[in-house]
Amino acid sequence: MNNTDINEAKTRKLFIDKALKQAGWVPIVPFQADTQYDHCSVEEYPTKTGPADYILFHKGKAIACVEGKRIRIGPQNVLQQAKRYARGFPKGALSLGSFGDYNLPFVYSTNGKIIWFQDLRDEADAAKWLKENEINDKHLWPFQIEAIESIEKAIMDRRRHMLIAMATGTGKTFTIVNLIFRLMESRFAKRILFLVDRRALAAQAVTTMASFEAKPGFKFDRIYEVYSQKIRREDLSEEMKFDPMILPTEYLTNPSSRDSFVYVSTIQRMRINLFGYEGMFGSSSGDQDDDSDASRLDIPTHAFDVIIADECHRGYTAREESKWREVLMHFDGIKIGLTATPAAHTTTFFKKIVFTYDYERAVREGYLVDYDAIAIKSDITIKGVFLEEGEEVGLIDTRTGQPTTEIDWSAPDRNRKIVQEINRYLLDQEQQLGHFPKTLIFAQNDIEHISHCNSIVRIMRDEFNRGDDFVQKITGSPSVDRPLQRIREFRNRQNPGIVVTVDMLSTGVDVPRIENIVFLRPNNRHHGRSPGKDYKNHPGYRTGHRE
């Protein structure tokens, strides 16, 4: 019989027991309750998380867990199981004490041919480092330091899931990059996964890390490796000369204890890597990145020590929420969620909000500028439309986009009247400010034949008559060429002055020069803000924040 066909029980007897004996861990005895062990290997030792294959005792104290597997299984993927038993080993007279989350200092995994080892005391040393080293980045605001301290305290309190709620514009990414550096410097974490919702946000994250001066004269990405999924030049701001490094596949499929790196990826792409294309996230607006070059990979659960989910309130639909959870639950590391607007499903998953910095406090302390709400009333919206009996109105066939005539009814030119009122405000602002205020408009949809986005763009262009470049649509629709480059142009150039979108710019994309946000759709939730006022019926409001 080929050795690779031997089952786990025979592997243990033929190879692992032999290795234990050669190393001096004898006798090898079965577990018996209420027994004092001196120097030996105890088989099938019960823990709170299941029976460990072997627990090694020395001078009456348990010092290590050994987890064995059959030869065909690589032991590097089994260390996490040994750590689980070390975490569940009962405290008491037989334990040497606590080592962070663990009650044993050492773990081993082996298939009888290869042995992997991890010293769990590193986490205790990491806790000591975090306590003894102050958060001293001069560029951090006081509340950002408070956020980092809260996260570190939660980690030291052995929390595995936690949520950070910080208002849009208060620097979540910069705060979390400081935290990542401290976790890696303390050696608490070696491999960190930073999940985002859009490739544009991945680009922002890697550029933040590239520009972050972690030590005097040294940027973060010159101290620790920073990798990303494939990012295009148009994803980056024009002034950024950073060249992102693509993560080698083996860093995911065969993580090594010697590797220390940060990987920035969209959660959509990571889902493909873990589970393939089946059941992928959907989008009614078509605002999706192109992940056609992604493929399914064999990524072990222990690939990352810490998983950070940015904009984690993005639960998608009820069906897609389970897909979102599956990605996070695949990994065994600590999970940190970042959001401006905690949703019910978010707090359910991450358990506890360990730090909150809301919009009202940020305005009160001078770190955000308050908004001015402008209500535009529409008799059609409020009162509805009444037609005379037999009156003919125009309809659009949603399958073909062609007009038809029916004895039926539809709303008159409501959009044009609302746009004309919005434009009146924008032109007044332009006169007062001396420049045109960049404006972002959220339309209802961008669906073929009946695109609300297209309708608003067309009306805006007619009303302003400043050329097509002045008013542009940015969505993930196939009709929009290189949407991420369009975002970059909106951020850095004079034109476009007005952008119409659906969901693509609703979360996390930094365009600091925006002075107006307009909702031209039913709005039952706010986009990354916590205004503290009821604006559900406001088609638009003006806002800004200090950078």
Protein backbone atom coordinates (compact mmCIF):
# COMPACT_ATOMS: atom_id res chain seq x y z
CA MET A 1 0.00 0.00 0.00
CA ASN A 2 1.23 3.49 -0.86
CA ASN A 3 1.91 5.61 2.24
CA THR A 4 -0.38 8.34 0.89
CA ASP A 5 -3.31 5.91 1.15
CA ILE A 6 -2.79 5.25 4.86
CA ASN A 7 -5.54 6.68 7.05
CA GLU A 8 -4.93 9.06 9.94
CA ALA A 9 -5.03 6.42 12.67
CA LYS A 10 -2.33 4.31 10.99
CA THR A 11 -0.29 7.42 10.19
CA ARG A 12 -0.25 8.26 13.87
CA LYS A 13 0.82 4.78 14.95
CA LEU A 14 3.43 4.22 12.22
CA PHE A 15 4.98 7.66 11.91
CA ILE A 16 3.85 10.27 14.44
CA ASP A 17 4.24 8.02 17.50
CA LYS A 18 7.69 7.10 16.24
CA ALA A 19 8.66 10.75 15.89
CA LEU A 20 7.41 11.52 19.42
CA LYS A 21 9.44 8.64 20.83
CA GLN A 22 12.57 9.74 19.00
CA ALA A 23 12.11 13.23 20.44
CA GLY A 24 11.78 11.85 23.97
CA TRP A 25 8.06 12.42 24.46
CA VAL A 26 7.38 9.05 26.06
CA PRO A 27 5.44 7.23 27.26
CA ILE A 28 2.49 7.76 24.90
CA VAL A 29 -0.62 7.11 26.98
CA PRO A 30 -4.40 7.44 26.46
CA PHE A 31 -6.22 10.17 28.35
CA GLN A 32 -7.61 9.32 31.78
CA ALA A 33 -9.56 11.76 33.88
CA ASP A 34 -8.12 12.95 37.22
CA THR A 35 -4.62 11.78 36.30
CA GLN A 36 -1.37 13.60 37.09
CA TYR A 37 1.01 13.48 34.15
CA ASP A 38 4.76 14.07 34.48
CA HIS A 39 6.66 13.81 31.16
CA CYS A 40 4.65 12.11 28.42
CA SER A 41 2.35 12.40 25.40
CA VAL A 42 -1.37 12.06 26.18
CA GLU A 43 -3.63 10.91 23.34
CA GLU A 44 -7.15 12.26 22.67
CA TYR A 45 -6.97 14.88 25.39
CA PRO A 46 -10.40 16.63 25.72
CA THR A 47 -10.60 20.42 25.29
CA LYS A 48 -13.53 22.83 25.08
CA THR A 49 -13.23 22.75 21.29
CA GLY A 50 -12.75 19.01 20.79
CA PRO A 51 -10.20 16.28 21.57
CA ALA A 52 -6.56 17.03 20.72
CA ASP A 53 -4.59 14.21 19.10
CA TYR A 54 -1.73 14.67 21.60
CA ILE A 55 -0.98 16.98 24.51
CA LEU A 56 2.66 17.04 25.60
CA PHE A 57 3.34 17.27 29.35
CA HIS A 58 6.57 18.25 31.09
CA LYS A 59 6.97 18.27 34.86
CA GLY A 60 3.23 17.97 35.31
CA LYS A 61 2.33 20.90 33.04
CA ALA A 62 0.78 20.86 29.56
CA ILE A 63 3.10 22.72 27.20
CA ALA A 64 2.09 21.78 23.65
CA CYS A 65 -0.63 20.42 21.38
CA VAL A 66 0.23 18.12 18.46
CA GLU A 67 -2.32 17.62 15.70
CA GLY A 68 -1.75 14.76 13.27
CA LYS A 69 -3.15 14.10 9.80
CA ARG A 70 -2.72 11.48 7.12
CA ILE A 71 0.34 11.78 4.87
CA ARG A 72 -1.53 13.15 1.87
CA ILE A 73 -2.63 16.24 3.88
CA GLY A 74 -0.18 19.13 4.16
CA PRO A 75 0.40 19.91 7.86
CA GLN A 76 0.82 23.65 7.27
CA ASN A 77 -2.96 23.83 6.82
CA VAL A 78 -3.59 22.08 10.17
CA LEU A 79 -1.80 24.44 12.56
CA GLN A 80 -5.03 26.43 12.92
CA GLN A 81 -6.77 23.33 14.28
CA ALA A 82 -3.99 22.82 16.82
CA LYS A 83 -4.36 26.49 17.84
CA ARG A 84 -8.07 25.93 18.33
CA TYR A 85 -7.34 23.16 20.82
CA ALA A 86 -4.70 25.31 22.51
CA ARG A 87 -7.38 27.97 22.90
CA GLY A 88 -9.83 25.42 24.33
CA PHE A 89 -7.39 23.68 26.67
CA PRO A 90 -8.85 23.89 30.21
CA LYS A 91 -7.29 26.37 32.59
CA GLY A 92 -6.20 25.03 35.94
CA ALA A 93 -3.41 23.22 37.73
CA LEU A 94 -2.21 21.45 34.57
CA SER A 95 -1.87 24.65 32.53
CA LEU A 96 1.20 26.89 32.46
CA GLY A 97 -1.11 29.92 32.21
CA SER A 98 -2.63 32.09 29.49
CA PHE A 99 -0.83 33.29 26.38
CA GLY A 100 -3.16 35.79 24.83
CA ASP A 101 -6.10 33.72 23.54
CA TYR A 102 -4.34 30.45 24.29
CA ASN A 103 -3.80 28.23 27.31
CA LEU A 104 -0.82 26.39 25.80
CA PRO A 105 2.42 28.06 24.69
CA PHE A 106 3.25 25.80 21.69
CA VAL A 107 1.45 23.98 18.86
CA TYR A 108 2.62 21.44 16.27
CA SER A 109 1.01 19.89 13.21
CA THR A 110 2.41 16.93 11.29
CA ASN A 111 1.58 14.25 8.74
CA GLY A 112 4.37 12.03 10.01
CA LYS A 113 6.78 13.32 7.37
CA ILE A 114 6.67 17.11 7.80
CA ILE A 115 6.35 19.01 11.09
CA TRP A 116 5.08 22.58 11.49
CA PHE A 117 5.49 24.56 14.70
CA GLN A 118 4.22 27.85 16.15
CA ASP A 119 5.18 29.65 19.35
CA LEU A 120 1.95 31.12 20.71
CA ARG A 121 3.78 33.21 23.27
CA ASP A 122 4.34 35.78 20.50
CA GLU A 123 0.83 37.13 21.06
CA ALA A 124 1.55 37.78 24.73
CA ASP A 125 4.73 39.59 23.69
CA ALA A 126 2.66 41.53 21.16
CA ALA A 127 0.24 42.66 23.85
CA LYS A 128 3.16 43.90 25.91
CA TRP A 129 4.54 45.83 22.90
CA LEU A 130 1.19 47.49 22.22
CA LYS A 131 0.88 48.59 25.85
CA GLU A 132 4.41 49.95 26.04
CA ASN A 133 4.50 51.81 22.70
CA GLU A 134 2.41 54.95 22.50
CA ILE A 135 0.43 55.92 19.39
CA ASN A 136 2.57 58.87 18.39
CA ASP A 137 1.82 59.66 14.72
CA LYS A 138 1.63 63.47 14.68
CA HIS A 139 -0.80 63.39 11.74
CA LEU A 140 -3.47 61.50 13.70
CA TRP A 141 -6.37 63.46 15.12
CA PRO A 142 -7.29 62.76 18.79
CA PHE A 143 -10.39 60.74 17.93
CA GLN A 144 -8.35 58.58 15.51
CA ILE A 145 -5.93 57.76 18.33
CA GLU A 146 -8.96 56.95 20.49
CA ALA A 147 -10.20 54.58 17.77
CA ILE A 148 -6.87 52.72 17.59
CA GLU A 149 -6.70 52.43 21.37
CA SER A 150 -10.24 51.01 21.45
CA ILE A 151 -9.44 48.39 18.84
CA GLU A 152 -6.23 47.34 20.56
CA LYS A 153 -8.04 47.06 23.89
CA ALA A 154 -10.72 44.88 22.28
CA ILE A 155 -8.01 42.64 20.82
CA MET A 156 -6.32 42.37 24.20
CA ASP A 157 -9.72 41.49 25.67
CA ARG A 158 -9.73 38.55 23.25
CA ARG A 159 -12.50 39.78 21.01
CA ARG A 160 -12.46 38.07 17.63
CA HIS A 161 -15.14 40.23 15.96
CA MET A 162 -15.48 44.01 16.35
CA LEU A 163 -16.98 47.00 14.57
CA ILE A 164 -15.67 50.56 14.15
CA ALA A 165 -18.23 53.26 13.25
CA MET A 166 -16.71 56.53 12.01
CA ALA A 167 -18.52 59.20 9.99
CA THR A 168 -17.58 59.69 6.35
CA GLY A 169 -14.68 62.11 6.02
CA THR A 170 -13.11 61.33 9.40
CA GLY A 171 -10.26 59.25 7.96
CA LYS A 172 -11.15 55.60 8.55
CA THR A 173 -8.56 54.35 6.07
CA PHE A 174 -5.70 56.45 7.48
CA THR A 175 -6.67 55.37 11.01
CA ILE A 176 -6.73 51.70 10.12
CA VAL A 177 -3.39 51.86 8.27
CA ASN A 178 -1.83 53.18 11.49
CA LEU A 179 -3.42 50.26 13.34
CA ILE A 180 -2.15 47.75 10.77
CA PHE A 181 1.39 49.07 11.17
CA ARG A 182 1.21 48.70 14.96
CA LEU A 183 -0.18 45.15 14.74
CA MET A 184 2.64 44.15 12.40
CA GLU A 185 5.36 45.94 14.36
CA SER A 186 4.23 44.21 17.55
CA ARG A 187 4.19 40.90 15.63
CA PHE A 188 0.60 40.35 16.68
CA ALA A 189 -0.26 39.89 13.00
CA LYS A 190 1.88 38.94 10.03
CA ARG A 191 -0.67 38.58 7.26
CA ILE A 192 -3.55 41.06 6.97
CA LEU A 193 -6.42 41.04 4.47
CA PHE A 194 -8.03 44.42 3.71
CA LEU A 195 -11.39 43.91 1.96
CA VAL A 196 -13.16 46.69 0.10
CA ASP A 197 -16.30 46.96 -2.02
CA ARG A 198 -14.90 48.54 -5.19
CA ARG A 199 -11.62 48.37 -7.07
CA ALA A 200 -11.44 52.17 -6.81
CA LEU A 201 -11.46 51.78 -3.02
CA ALA A 202 -8.69 49.18 -3.27
CA ALA A 203 -6.65 51.73 -5.20
CA GLN A 204 -7.28 54.34 -2.50
CA ALA A 205 -6.20 51.93 0.23
CA VAL A 206 -2.91 50.92 -1.41
CA THR A 207 -2.06 54.55 -2.21
CA THR A 208 -2.73 55.51 1.41
CA MET A 209 -0.32 52.81 2.55
CA ALA A 210 2.25 53.91 -0.01
CA SER A 211 2.10 57.51 1.19
CA PHE A 212 1.98 56.70 4.93
CA GLU A 213 5.29 57.52 6.63
CA ALA A 214 5.36 54.70 9.17
CA LYS A 215 8.86 55.60 10.40
CA PRO A 216 10.92 58.74 9.79
CA GLY A 217 12.04 58.54 6.17
CA PHE A 218 10.31 55.21 5.51
CA LYS A 219 6.92 54.69 3.90
CA PHE A 220 4.78 51.79 5.07
CA ASP A 221 5.21 49.81 1.85
CA ARG A 222 8.99 50.01 2.20
CA ILE A 223 8.84 48.37 5.62
CA TYR A 224 6.17 45.74 4.92
CA GLU A 225 5.03 44.22 1.66
CA VAL A 226 1.76 45.65 0.32
CA TYR A 227 -0.02 43.74 -2.43
CA SER A 228 -3.28 44.19 -4.25
CA GLN A 229 -5.42 42.58 -6.87
CA LYS A 230 -4.89 43.94 -10.36
CA ILE A 231 -5.35 47.72 -10.31
CA ARG A 232 -5.44 49.81 -13.47
CA ARG A 233 -3.69 53.12 -13.98
CA GLU A 234 -7.06 54.87 -14.20
CA ASP A 235 -7.90 53.63 -10.67
CA LEU A 236 -5.18 55.86 -9.26
CA SER A 237 -5.15 59.62 -8.91
CA GLU A 238 -3.14 61.48 -11.54
CA GLU A 239 -0.52 62.72 -9.09
CA MET A 240 0.12 59.23 -7.70
CA LYS A 241 3.27 57.59 -9.10
CA PHE A 242 2.72 54.43 -7.09
CA ASP A 243 3.03 51.11 -8.94
CA PRO A 244 0.90 48.49 -7.09
CA MET A 245 2.37 45.02 -6.68
CA ILE A 246 0.15 42.07 -7.58
CA LEU A 247 -0.04 39.40 -4.88
CA PRO A 248 1.68 36.14 -5.90
CA THR A 249 -0.89 33.33 -5.92
CA GLU A 250 1.20 31.17 -3.59
CA TYR A 251 0.86 33.81 -0.86
CA LEU A 252 -2.81 32.84 -0.75
CA THR A 253 -2.64 29.12 -1.43
CA ASN A 254 0.48 28.34 0.62
CA PRO A 255 0.86 30.98 3.35
CA SER A 256 4.10 30.69 5.25
CA SER A 257 4.88 31.79 8.79
CA ARG A 258 7.81 33.83 7.42
CA ASP A 259 5.61 36.01 5.19
CA SER A 260 4.53 39.44 6.48
CA PHE A 261 2.29 41.36 4.11
CA VAL A 262 -0.96 43.26 3.58
CA TYR A 263 -3.29 42.22 0.77
CA VAL A 264 -5.95 44.63 -0.50
CA SER A 265 -8.80 43.02 -2.43
CA THR A 266 -12.46 43.55 -3.23
CA ILE A 267 -14.77 41.23 -1.35
CA GLN A 268 -16.31 40.25 -4.70
CA ARG A 269 -12.97 39.05 -6.05
CA MET A 270 -12.14 37.19 -2.85
CA ARG A 271 -15.46 35.38 -3.11
CA ILE A 272 -14.52 34.19 -6.59
CA ASN A 273 -11.13 33.04 -5.24
CA LEU A 274 -12.83 31.08 -2.45
CA PHE A 275 -16.01 29.75 -4.04
CA GLY A 276 -15.90 30.39 -7.79
CA TYR A 277 -18.45 32.34 -9.82
CA GLU A 278 -21.53 30.48 -8.62
CA GLY A 279 -23.83 32.68 -6.54
CA MET A 280 -21.79 35.84 -7.12
CA PHE A 281 -23.00 39.24 -5.93
CA GLY A 282 -25.49 40.91 -8.24
CA SER A 283 -26.35 44.52 -8.95
CA SER A 284 -29.52 45.94 -10.41
CA SER A 285 -27.62 49.03 -11.55
CA GLY A 286 -24.77 47.14 -13.17
CA ASP A 287 -22.15 48.89 -11.02
CA GLN A 288 -19.67 46.01 -10.87
CA ASP A 289 -15.93 45.75 -11.42
CA ASP A 290 -14.63 43.38 -14.07
CA ASP A 291 -13.26 40.28 -12.30
CA SER A 292 -13.18 38.04 -15.37
CA ASP A 293 -9.48 37.33 -14.77
CA ALA A 294 -10.15 35.91 -11.28
CA SER A 295 -10.32 32.17 -10.60
CA ARG A 296 -11.05 29.82 -7.75
CA LEU A 297 -8.05 29.08 -5.51
CA ASP A 298 -7.40 26.68 -2.66
CA ILE A 299 -7.01 29.25 0.12
CA PRO A 300 -6.70 27.76 3.64
CA THR A 301 -8.64 29.20 6.56
CA HIS A 302 -5.46 30.34 8.33
CA ALA A 303 -4.21 32.43 5.38
CA PHE A 304 -4.68 35.70 7.32
CA ASP A 305 -4.28 36.68 10.97
CA VAL A 306 -6.54 39.75 10.71
CA ILE A 307 -9.32 40.48 8.22
CA ILE A 308 -10.49 44.10 7.88
CA ALA A 309 -13.77 44.71 6.03
CA ASP A 310 -14.08 48.32 4.88
CA GLU A 311 -17.57 49.79 4.29
CA CYS A 312 -18.92 46.61 5.85
CA HIS A 313 -22.49 47.93 6.03
CA ARG A 314 -22.70 46.97 2.37
CA GLY A 315 -24.77 43.84 2.97
CA TYR A 316 -26.22 43.83 -0.54
CA THR A 317 -29.54 42.00 -0.85
CA ALA A 318 -30.81 39.51 1.72
CA ARG A 319 -29.58 36.66 -0.47
CA GLU A 320 -26.20 38.28 -1.04
CA GLU A 321 -25.71 38.99 2.66
CA SER A 322 -25.04 35.27 3.18
CA LYS A 323 -22.42 35.41 0.40
CA TRP A 324 -20.79 38.39 2.13
CA ARG A 325 -20.71 36.46 5.40
CA GLU A 326 -19.29 33.33 3.77
CA VAL A 327 -16.21 35.23 2.64
CA LEU A 328 -15.49 36.54 6.13
CA MET A 329 -16.37 33.29 7.89
CA HIS A 330 -13.97 31.28 5.71
CA PHE A 331 -11.03 32.80 7.55
CA ASP A 332 -10.14 32.04 11.15
CA GLY A 333 -8.47 35.36 11.95
CA ILE A 334 -9.70 38.38 13.91
CA LYS A 335 -12.35 40.32 11.96
CA ILE A 336 -12.63 44.11 12.12
CA GLY A 337 -15.48 45.90 10.36
CA LEU A 338 -15.32 49.57 9.31
CA THR A 339 -18.42 51.60 8.51
CA ALA A 340 -19.99 55.02 8.71
CA THR A 341 -23.50 53.62 8.99
CA PRO A 342 -23.87 50.41 11.05
CA ALA A 343 -26.74 48.30 9.76
CA ALA A 344 -28.56 45.54 11.62
CA HIS A 345 -26.84 42.73 9.70
CA THR A 346 -23.46 44.41 10.32
CA THR A 347 -23.78 44.58 14.09
CA THR A 348 -25.21 41.06 14.16
CA PHE A 349 -22.08 39.71 12.50
CA PHE A 350 -19.41 41.85 14.18
CA LYS A 351 -21.11 41.56 17.60
CA LYS A 352 -19.89 44.76 19.27
CA ILE A 353 -19.18 48.35 18.24
CA VAL A 354 -15.92 49.07 20.05
CA PHE A 355 -15.63 52.68 18.86
CA THR A 356 -18.06 55.27 17.49
CA TYR A 357 -17.32 58.72 16.11
CA ASP A 358 -20.55 60.02 14.65
CA TYR A 359 -21.30 62.91 12.34
CA GLU A 360 -22.72 65.19 15.04
CA ARG A 361 -19.63 64.86 17.23
CA ALA A 362 -17.33 65.42 14.25
CA VAL A 363 -19.17 68.64 13.37
CA ARG A 364 -19.22 69.75 17.00
CA GLU A 365 -15.45 69.22 17.33
CA GLY A 366 -14.70 70.95 14.05
CA TYR A 367 -13.51 68.00 11.96
CA LEU A 368 -16.51 68.01 9.59
CA VAL A 369 -18.49 70.90 8.12
CA ASP A 370 -22.24 70.67 8.61
CA TYR A 371 -24.57 70.42 5.62
CA ASP A 372 -27.43 72.64 4.49
CA ALA A 373 -30.55 70.72 3.45
CA ILE A 374 -32.54 72.04 0.50
CA ALA A 375 -36.03 70.62 -0.01
CA ILE A 376 -37.48 70.74 -3.50
CA LYS A 377 -41.21 70.18 -3.43
CA SER A 378 -43.00 68.43 -6.27
CA ASP A 379 -46.78 68.50 -6.52
CA ILE A 380 -46.61 65.44 -8.78
CA THR A 381 -44.65 63.47 -6.18
CA ILE A 382 -46.83 64.56 -3.27
CA LYS A 383 -50.30 64.65 -4.84
CA GLY A 384 -49.97 62.27 -7.78
CA VAL A 385 -51.34 62.71 -11.33
CA PHE A 386 -55.00 62.90 -12.38
CA LEU A 387 -56.10 62.35 -15.98
CA GLU A 388 -59.33 63.00 -17.82
CA GLU A 389 -61.27 59.96 -19.00
CA GLY A 390 -59.94 58.81 -22.37
CA GLU A 391 -56.86 61.06 -22.24
CA GLU A 392 -53.92 59.66 -24.29
CA VAL A 393 -50.41 59.62 -22.84
CA GLY A 394 -47.04 58.37 -24.07
CA LEU A 395 -45.57 55.10 -22.79
CA ILE A 396 -42.23 53.40 -23.34
CA ASP A 397 -42.01 49.66 -23.94
CA THR A 398 -39.39 48.55 -21.41
CA ARG A 399 -38.32 45.60 -23.60
CA THR A 400 -37.68 47.56 -26.78
CA GLY A 401 -37.37 51.17 -25.67
CA GLN A 402 -39.91 52.19 -28.33
CA PRO A 403 -42.79 54.64 -27.64
CA THR A 404 -46.38 53.37 -27.72
CA THR A 405 -49.75 55.09 -27.32
CA GLU A 406 -52.23 53.70 -24.81
CA ILE A 407 -55.39 54.88 -23.06
CA ASP A 408 -53.50 55.00 -19.79
CA TRP A 409 -51.46 57.52 -17.81
CA SER A 410 -47.89 58.45 -16.92
CA ALA A 411 -46.34 61.40 -15.03
CA PRO A 412 -45.62 64.61 -17.00
CA ASP A 413 -42.09 65.99 -17.29
CA ARG A 414 -41.43 65.85 -13.56
CA ASN A 415 -37.66 65.34 -13.95
CA ARG A 416 -37.21 68.50 -16.03
CA LYS A 417 -39.03 70.67 -13.49
CA ILE A 418 -36.92 69.29 -10.64
CA VAL A 419 -33.70 69.70 -12.63
CA GLN A 420 -34.60 73.31 -13.44
CA GLU A 421 -35.05 74.02 -9.73
CA ILE A 422 -31.74 72.32 -8.86
CA ASN A 423 -29.96 74.30 -11.55
CA ARG A 424 -31.26 77.54 -10.12
CA TYR A 425 -29.48 76.72 -6.85
CA LEU A 426 -26.29 75.65 -8.63
CA LEU A 427 -26.07 78.83 -10.69
CA ASP A 428 -26.65 80.97 -7.57
CA GLN A 429 -23.80 79.10 -5.85
CA GLU A 430 -21.54 79.56 -8.85
CA GLN A 431 -22.09 83.31 -8.73
CA GLN A 432 -21.43 83.46 -4.97
CA LEU A 433 -18.40 81.15 -4.94
CA GLY A 434 -16.68 82.25 -8.14
CA HIS A 435 -16.54 78.65 -9.39
CA PHE A 436 -19.06 75.99 -10.33
CA PRO A 437 -19.78 73.71 -7.33
CA LYS A 438 -19.08 70.09 -8.19
CA THR A 439 -22.35 68.19 -7.87
CA LEU A 440 -23.16 64.48 -7.57
CA ILE A 441 -26.68 63.31 -8.46
CA PHE A 442 -28.06 59.91 -7.50
CA ALA A 443 -30.60 58.64 -10.04
CA GLN A 444 -33.00 55.75 -9.60
CA ASN A 445 -31.46 53.30 -12.09
CA ASP A 446 -29.36 52.81 -15.21
CA ILE A 447 -31.36 50.10 -16.92
CA GLU A 448 -31.43 49.57 -20.68
CA HIS A 449 -34.24 51.45 -22.49
CA ILE A 450 -35.63 53.15 -19.36
CA SER A 451 -32.46 54.54 -17.77
CA HIS A 452 -33.34 57.27 -15.28
CA CYS A 453 -29.61 58.15 -15.32
CA ASN A 454 -29.65 58.82 -19.06
CA SER A 455 -32.78 60.93 -18.74
CA ILE A 456 -31.25 63.15 -16.05
CA VAL A 457 -27.97 63.53 -17.99
CA ARG A 458 -29.86 64.54 -21.12
CA ILE A 459 -31.98 67.13 -19.28
CA MET A 460 -28.95 68.53 -17.41
CA ARG A 461 -27.00 68.95 -20.65
CA ASP A 462 -29.96 70.72 -22.25
CA GLU A 463 -30.43 73.05 -19.30
CA PHE A 464 -26.76 74.03 -18.86
CA ASN A 465 -25.66 73.88 -22.52
CA ARG A 466 -21.97 73.70 -21.52
CA GLY A 467 -21.02 70.65 -23.58
CA ASP A 468 -21.25 66.92 -22.96
CA ASP A 469 -18.07 66.86 -20.84
CA PHE A 470 -19.70 69.15 -18.27
CA VAL A 471 -22.42 66.60 -17.33
CA GLN A 472 -21.42 62.93 -17.33
CA LYS A 473 -22.81 59.59 -16.24
CA ILE A 474 -20.58 57.35 -14.11
CA THR A 475 -22.00 53.89 -13.48
CA GLY A 476 -20.82 50.35 -14.05
CA SER A 477 -23.01 50.07 -17.14
CA PRO A 478 -21.33 48.77 -20.33
CA SER A 479 -22.30 52.10 -21.92
CA VAL A 480 -19.78 53.92 -19.67
CA ASP A 481 -16.21 53.65 -20.93
CA ARG A 482 -13.62 53.17 -18.15
CA PRO A 483 -15.81 54.35 -15.23
CA LEU A 484 -12.96 54.38 -12.73
CA GLN A 485 -11.02 56.77 -14.93
CA ARG A 486 -14.14 58.94 -15.06
CA ILE A 487 -14.14 59.01 -11.24
CA ARG A 488 -10.51 60.12 -11.27
CA GLU A 489 -11.35 62.93 -13.69
CA PHE A 490 -14.29 64.02 -11.53
CA ARG A 491 -11.95 64.14 -8.54
CA ASN A 492 -9.07 65.99 -10.20
CA ARG A 493 -10.33 68.04 -13.14
CA GLN A 494 -12.67 70.96 -13.68
CA ASN A 495 -14.93 68.86 -15.90
CA PRO A 496 -17.20 67.14 -15.26
CA GLY A 497 -18.91 69.66 -13.01
CA ILE A 498 -21.96 67.40 -12.63
CA VAL A 499 -21.94 63.60 -12.40
CA VAL A 500 -25.03 61.39 -12.40
CA THR A 501 -24.65 57.93 -10.84
CA VAL A 502 -26.69 55.19 -9.19
CA ASP A 503 -24.59 53.33 -6.64
CA MET A 504 -21.03 53.49 -7.90
CA LEU A 505 -20.02 56.62 -5.98
CA SER A 506 -22.26 56.01 -2.97
CA THR A 507 -19.63 54.57 -0.69
CA GLY A 508 -16.08 55.42 0.19
CA VAL A 509 -14.83 57.07 -3.01
CA ASP A 510 -12.99 60.26 -2.09
CA VAL A 511 -13.95 63.32 -4.15
CA PRO A 512 -13.21 66.13 -1.67
CA ARG A 513 -14.35 68.92 -4.01
CA ILE A 514 -17.99 67.82 -4.10
CA GLU A 515 -20.18 70.60 -2.71
CA ASN A 516 -23.65 69.25 -3.53
CA ILE A 517 -25.24 65.82 -3.30
CA VAL A 518 -28.67 65.40 -4.88
CA PHE A 519 -31.04 62.46 -4.39
CA LEU A 520 -33.44 62.04 -7.29
CA ARG A 521 -34.79 58.72 -6.15
CA PRO A 522 -36.62 57.24 -3.14
CA ASN A 523 -34.10 57.48 -0.33
CA ASN A 524 -34.65 55.30 2.72
CA ARG A 525 -31.04 55.25 3.82
CA HIS A 526 -28.22 57.75 3.84
CA HIS A 527 -24.94 57.34 2.04
CA GLY A 528 -22.09 57.26 4.51
CA ARG A 529 -23.41 60.13 6.64
CA SER A 530 -25.33 60.55 9.86
CA PRO A 531 -26.95 63.98 9.43
CA GLY A 532 -29.22 63.72 12.45
CA LYS A 533 -32.11 65.32 10.52
CA ASP A 534 -34.95 63.84 8.51
CA TYR A 535 -34.05 64.30 4.85
CA LYS A 536 -35.81 61.27 3.39
CA ASN A 537 -38.06 63.58 1.35
CA HIS A 538 -35.27 65.91 0.25
CA PRO A 539 -34.14 65.35 -3.34
CA GLY A 540 -30.92 67.12 -2.46
CA TYR A 541 -28.74 68.56 0.21
CA ARG A 542 -25.46 70.44 0.26
CA THR A 543 -22.54 69.11 2.24
CA GLY A 544 -18.80 69.30 2.71
CA HIS A 545 -16.01 68.28 5.06
CA ARG A 546 -12.53 69.39 5.99
CA GLU A 547 -9.73 67.28 4.54
